[in-house]
Amino acid sequence: ALEVDLDAGVAQVLELVADGARLKDAAGTIAEATGLGKRDLYQAALQAR
């Protein structure tokens, strides 16, 4: 897994959402890819939108 911080992970989640992914699915995808917490990504992305 790549070492990325939460902000970078959220940016990746929001890119997937912009491409049409559902936020929950995008958070799961990026959580698997980065090792970040899915819930952490989801909550942070919700606040960042």
PDB file of N, CA and C in Angstrom:
ATOM      1  N   ALA A   1       0.848  -1.197   0.000  1.00  0.00           N
ATOM      2  CA  ALA A   1       0.000   0.000   0.000  1.00  0.00           C
ATOM      3  C   ALA A   1       0.881   1.243   0.000  1.00  0.00           C
ATOM      4  N   LEU A   2       0.461   2.226  -0.716  1.00  0.00           N
ATOM      5  CA  LEU A   2       1.189   3.487  -0.768  1.00  0.00           C
ATOM      6  C   LEU A   2       0.987   4.249   0.532  1.00  0.00           C
ATOM      7  N   GLU A   3       2.015   4.984   0.937  1.00  0.00           N
ATOM      8  CA  GLU A   3       1.897   5.827   2.109  1.00  0.00           C
ATOM      9  C   GLU A   3       1.348   7.184   1.685  1.00  0.00           C
ATOM     10  N   VAL A   4       0.107   7.439   2.005  1.00  0.00           N
ATOM     11  CA  VAL A   4      -0.468   8.751   1.719  1.00  0.00           C
ATOM     12  C   VAL A   4      -1.185   9.240   2.962  1.00  0.00           C
ATOM     13  N   ASP A   5      -1.258  10.562   3.124  1.00  0.00           N
ATOM     14  CA  ASP A   5      -1.971  11.081   4.274  1.00  0.00           C
ATOM     15  C   ASP A   5      -3.458  11.205   3.943  1.00  0.00           C
ATOM     16  N   LEU A   6      -4.242  11.510   4.946  1.00  0.00           N
ATOM     17  CA  LEU A   6      -5.691  11.522   4.785  1.00  0.00           C
ATOM     18  C   LEU A   6      -6.129  12.548   3.747  1.00  0.00           C
ATOM     19  N   ASP A   7      -5.486  13.720   3.747  1.00  0.00           N
ATOM     20  CA  ASP A   7      -5.867  14.744   2.770  1.00  0.00           C
ATOM     21  C   ASP A   7      -5.684  14.242   1.345  1.00  0.00           C
ATOM     22  N   ALA A   8      -4.565  13.560   1.103  1.00  0.00           N
ATOM     23  CA  ALA A   8      -4.313  13.033  -0.236  1.00  0.00           C
ATOM     24  C   ALA A   8      -5.329  11.952  -0.574  1.00  0.00           C
ATOM     25  N   GLY A   9      -5.656  11.129   0.407  1.00  0.00           N
ATOM     26  CA  GLY A   9      -6.645  10.087   0.183  1.00  0.00           C
ATOM     27  C   GLY A   9      -8.006  10.661  -0.143  1.00  0.00           C
ATOM     28  N   VAL A  10      -8.393  11.697   0.594  1.00  0.00           N
ATOM     29  CA  VAL A  10      -9.685  12.350   0.348  1.00  0.00           C
ATOM     30  C   VAL A  10      -9.720  12.934  -1.056  1.00  0.00           C
ATOM     31  N   ALA A  11      -8.613  13.532  -1.482  1.00  0.00           N
ATOM     32  CA  ALA A  11      -8.563  14.087  -2.837  1.00  0.00           C
ATOM     33  C   ALA A  11      -8.806  12.987  -3.868  1.00  0.00           C
ATOM     34  N   GLN A  12      -8.240  11.804  -3.633  1.00  0.00           N
ATOM     35  CA  GLN A  12      -8.438  10.687  -4.556  1.00  0.00           C
ATOM     36  C   GLN A  12      -9.886  10.208  -4.525  1.00  0.00           C
ATOM     37  N   VAL A  13     -10.473  10.160  -3.326  1.00  0.00           N
ATOM     38  CA  VAL A  13     -11.883   9.772  -3.205  1.00  0.00           C
ATOM     39  C   VAL A  13     -12.759  10.731  -4.005  1.00  0.00           C
ATOM     40  N   LEU A  14     -12.512  12.031  -3.840  1.00  0.00           N
ATOM     41  CA  LEU A  14     -13.346  13.023  -4.521  1.00  0.00           C
ATOM     42  C   LEU A  14     -13.157  12.966  -6.031  1.00  0.00           C
ATOM     43  N   GLU A  15     -11.957  12.582  -6.488  1.00  0.00           N
ATOM     44  CA  GLU A  15     -11.750  12.400  -7.933  1.00  0.00           C
ATOM     45  C   GLU A  15     -12.621  11.268  -8.457  1.00  0.00           C
ATOM     46  N   LEU A  16     -12.689  10.158  -7.716  1.00  0.00           N
ATOM     47  CA  LEU A  16     -13.532   9.043  -8.137  1.00  0.00           C
ATOM     48  C   LEU A  16     -14.997   9.453  -8.144  1.00  0.00           C
ATOM     49  N   VAL A  17     -15.403  10.213  -7.133  1.00  0.00           N
ATOM     50  CA  VAL A  17     -16.790  10.686  -7.066  1.00  0.00           C
ATOM     51  C   VAL A  17     -17.097  11.589  -8.261  1.00  0.00           C
ATOM     52  N   ALA A  18     -16.129  12.433  -8.620  1.00  0.00           N
ATOM     53  CA  ALA A  18     -16.322  13.312  -9.773  1.00  0.00           C
ATOM     54  C   ALA A  18     -16.489  12.504 -11.055  1.00  0.00           C
ATOM     55  N   ASP A  19     -15.881  11.314 -11.081  1.00  0.00           N
ATOM     56  CA  ASP A  19     -16.010  10.437 -12.249  1.00  0.00           C
ATOM     57  C   ASP A  19     -17.277   9.597 -12.203  1.00  0.00           C
ATOM     58  N   GLY A  20     -18.086   9.776 -11.152  1.00  0.00           N
ATOM     59  CA  GLY A  20     -19.373   9.103 -11.098  1.00  0.00           C
ATOM     60  C   GLY A  20     -19.504   8.005 -10.060  1.00  0.00           C
ATOM     61  N   ALA A  21     -18.439   7.763  -9.276  1.00  0.00           N
ATOM     62  CA  ALA A  21     -18.522   6.732  -8.241  1.00  0.00           C
ATOM     63  C   ALA A  21     -19.351   7.241  -7.062  1.00  0.00           C
ATOM     64  N   ARG A  22     -19.994   6.302  -6.357  1.00  0.00           N
ATOM     65  CA  ARG A  22     -20.657   6.670  -5.108  1.00  0.00           C
ATOM     66  C   ARG A  22     -19.593   6.879  -4.042  1.00  0.00           C
ATOM     67  N   LEU A  23     -19.859   7.817  -3.134  1.00  0.00           N
ATOM     68  CA  LEU A  23     -18.862   8.182  -2.129  1.00  0.00           C
ATOM     69  C   LEU A  23     -18.431   6.972  -1.303  1.00  0.00           C
ATOM     70  N   LYS A  24     -19.403   6.150  -0.892  1.00  0.00           N
ATOM     71  CA  LYS A  24     -19.061   4.982  -0.071  1.00  0.00           C
ATOM     72  C   LYS A  24     -18.155   4.029  -0.841  1.00  0.00           C
ATOM     73  N   ASP A  25     -18.459   3.812  -2.122  1.00  0.00           N
ATOM     74  CA  ASP A  25     -17.641   2.919  -2.951  1.00  0.00           C
ATOM     75  C   ASP A  25     -16.246   3.495  -3.148  1.00  0.00           C
ATOM     76  N   ALA A  26     -16.188   4.797  -3.416  1.00  0.00           N
ATOM     77  CA  ALA A  26     -14.898   5.451  -3.628  1.00  0.00           C
ATOM     78  C   ALA A  26     -14.037   5.367  -2.369  1.00  0.00           C
ATOM     79  N   ALA A  27     -14.647   5.585  -1.217  1.00  0.00           N
ATOM     80  CA  ALA A  27     -13.900   5.505   0.039  1.00  0.00           C
ATOM     81  C   ALA A  27     -13.339   4.099   0.232  1.00  0.00           C
ATOM     82  N   GLY A  28     -14.126   3.088  -0.104  1.00  0.00           N
ATOM     83  CA  GLY A  28     -13.658   1.714   0.026  1.00  0.00           C
ATOM     84  C   GLY A  28     -12.501   1.417  -0.897  1.00  0.00           C
ATOM     85  N   THR A  29     -12.611   1.891  -2.130  1.00  0.00           N
ATOM     86  CA  THR A  29     -11.548   1.671  -3.112  1.00  0.00           C
ATOM     87  C   THR A  29     -10.241   2.300  -2.646  1.00  0.00           C
ATOM     88  N   ILE A  30     -10.306   3.549  -2.208  1.00  0.00           N
ATOM     89  CA  ILE A  30      -9.095   4.252  -1.795  1.00  0.00           C
ATOM     90  C   ILE A  30      -8.569   3.696  -0.472  1.00  0.00           C
ATOM     91  N   ALA A  31      -9.460   3.264   0.407  1.00  0.00           N
ATOM     92  CA  ALA A  31      -9.008   2.647   1.658  1.00  0.00           C
ATOM     93  C   ALA A  31      -8.179   1.402   1.361  1.00  0.00           C
ATOM     94  N   GLU A  32      -8.655   0.578   0.435  1.00  0.00           N
ATOM     95  CA  GLU A  32      -7.908  -0.628   0.070  1.00  0.00           C
ATOM     96  C   GLU A  32      -6.577  -0.276  -0.581  1.00  0.00           C
ATOM     97  N   ALA A  33      -6.580   0.754  -1.411  1.00  0.00           N
ATOM     98  CA  ALA A  33      -5.379   1.112  -2.167  1.00  0.00           C
ATOM     99  C   ALA A  33      -4.312   1.754  -1.282  1.00  0.00           C
ATOM    100  N   THR A  34      -4.736   2.442  -0.212  1.00  0.00           N
ATOM    101  CA  THR A  34      -3.801   3.244   0.568  1.00  0.00           C
ATOM    102  C   THR A  34      -3.571   2.738   1.979  1.00  0.00           C
ATOM    103  N   GLY A  35      -4.467   1.889   2.478  1.00  0.00           N
ATOM    104  CA  GLY A  35      -4.362   1.468   3.862  1.00  0.00           C
ATOM    105  C   GLY A  35      -4.969   2.448   4.847  1.00  0.00           C
ATOM    106  N   LEU A  36      -5.538   3.526   4.338  1.00  0.00           N
ATOM    107  CA  LEU A  36      -6.240   4.469   5.210  1.00  0.00           C
ATOM    108  C   LEU A  36      -7.566   3.857   5.642  1.00  0.00           C
ATOM    109  N   GLY A  37      -8.144   4.394   6.713  1.00  0.00           N
ATOM    110  CA  GLY A  37      -9.411   3.880   7.200  1.00  0.00           C
ATOM    111  C   GLY A  37     -10.562   4.307   6.305  1.00  0.00           C
ATOM    112  N   LYS A  38     -11.411   3.346   5.944  1.00  0.00           N
ATOM    113  CA  LYS A  38     -12.550   3.663   5.077  1.00  0.00           C
ATOM    114  C   LYS A  38     -13.466   4.693   5.731  1.00  0.00           C
ATOM    115  N   ARG A  39     -13.754   4.500   7.013  1.00  0.00           N
ATOM    116  CA  ARG A  39     -14.644   5.445   7.705  1.00  0.00           C
ATOM    117  C   ARG A  39     -14.015   6.825   7.782  1.00  0.00           C
ATOM    118  N   ASP A  40     -12.702   6.864   8.054  1.00  0.00           N
ATOM    119  CA  ASP A  40     -12.008   8.155   8.117  1.00  0.00           C
ATOM    120  C   ASP A  40     -12.094   8.873   6.780  1.00  0.00           C
ATOM    121  N   LEU A  41     -11.839   8.128   5.706  1.00  0.00           N
ATOM    122  CA  LEU A  41     -11.909   8.717   4.371  1.00  0.00           C
ATOM    123  C   LEU A  41     -13.315   9.209   4.061  1.00  0.00           C
ATOM    124  N   TYR A  42     -14.300   8.384   4.385  1.00  0.00           N
ATOM    125  CA  TYR A  42     -15.690   8.720   4.080  1.00  0.00           C
ATOM    126  C   TYR A  42     -16.108  10.002   4.795  1.00  0.00           C
ATOM    127  N   GLN A  43     -15.833  10.064   6.093  1.00  0.00           N
ATOM    128  CA  GLN A  43     -16.232  11.238   6.868  1.00  0.00           C
ATOM    129  C   GLN A  43     -15.501  12.497   6.399  1.00  0.00           C
ATOM    130  N   ALA A  44     -14.203  12.364   6.130  1.00  0.00           N
ATOM    131  CA  ALA A  44     -13.428  13.521   5.692  1.00  0.00           C
ATOM    132  C   ALA A  44     -13.883  13.991   4.319  1.00  0.00           C
ATOM    133  N   ALA A  45     -14.215  13.044   3.442  1.00  0.00           N
ATOM    134  CA  ALA A  45     -14.677  13.412   2.108  1.00  0.00           C
ATOM    135  C   ALA A  45     -16.035  14.090   2.175  1.00  0.00           C
ATOM    136  N   LEU A  46     -16.902  13.627   3.060  1.00  0.00           N
ATOM    137  CA  LEU A  46     -18.200  14.280   3.240  1.00  0.00           C
ATOM    138  C   LEU A  46     -18.014  15.744   3.608  1.00  0.00           C
ATOM    139  N   GLN A  47     -17.084  16.005   4.516  1.00  0.00           N
ATOM    140  CA  GLN A  47     -16.862  17.371   4.978  1.00  0.00           C
ATOM    141  C   GLN A  47     -16.153  18.217   3.932  1.00  0.00           C
ATOM    142  N   ALA A  48     -15.400  17.562   3.059  1.00  0.00           N
ATOM    143  CA  ALA A  48     -14.592  18.296   2.078  1.00  0.00           C
ATOM    144  C   ALA A  48     -15.387  18.675   0.836  1.00  0.00           C
ATOM    145  N   ARG A  49     -16.528  18.008   0.616  1.00  0.00           N
ATOM    146  CA  ARG A  49     -17.280  18.243  -0.617  1.00  0.00           C
ATOM    147  C   ARG A  49     -17.828  19.651  -0.672  1.00  0.00           C
TER     148      ARG A  49
END
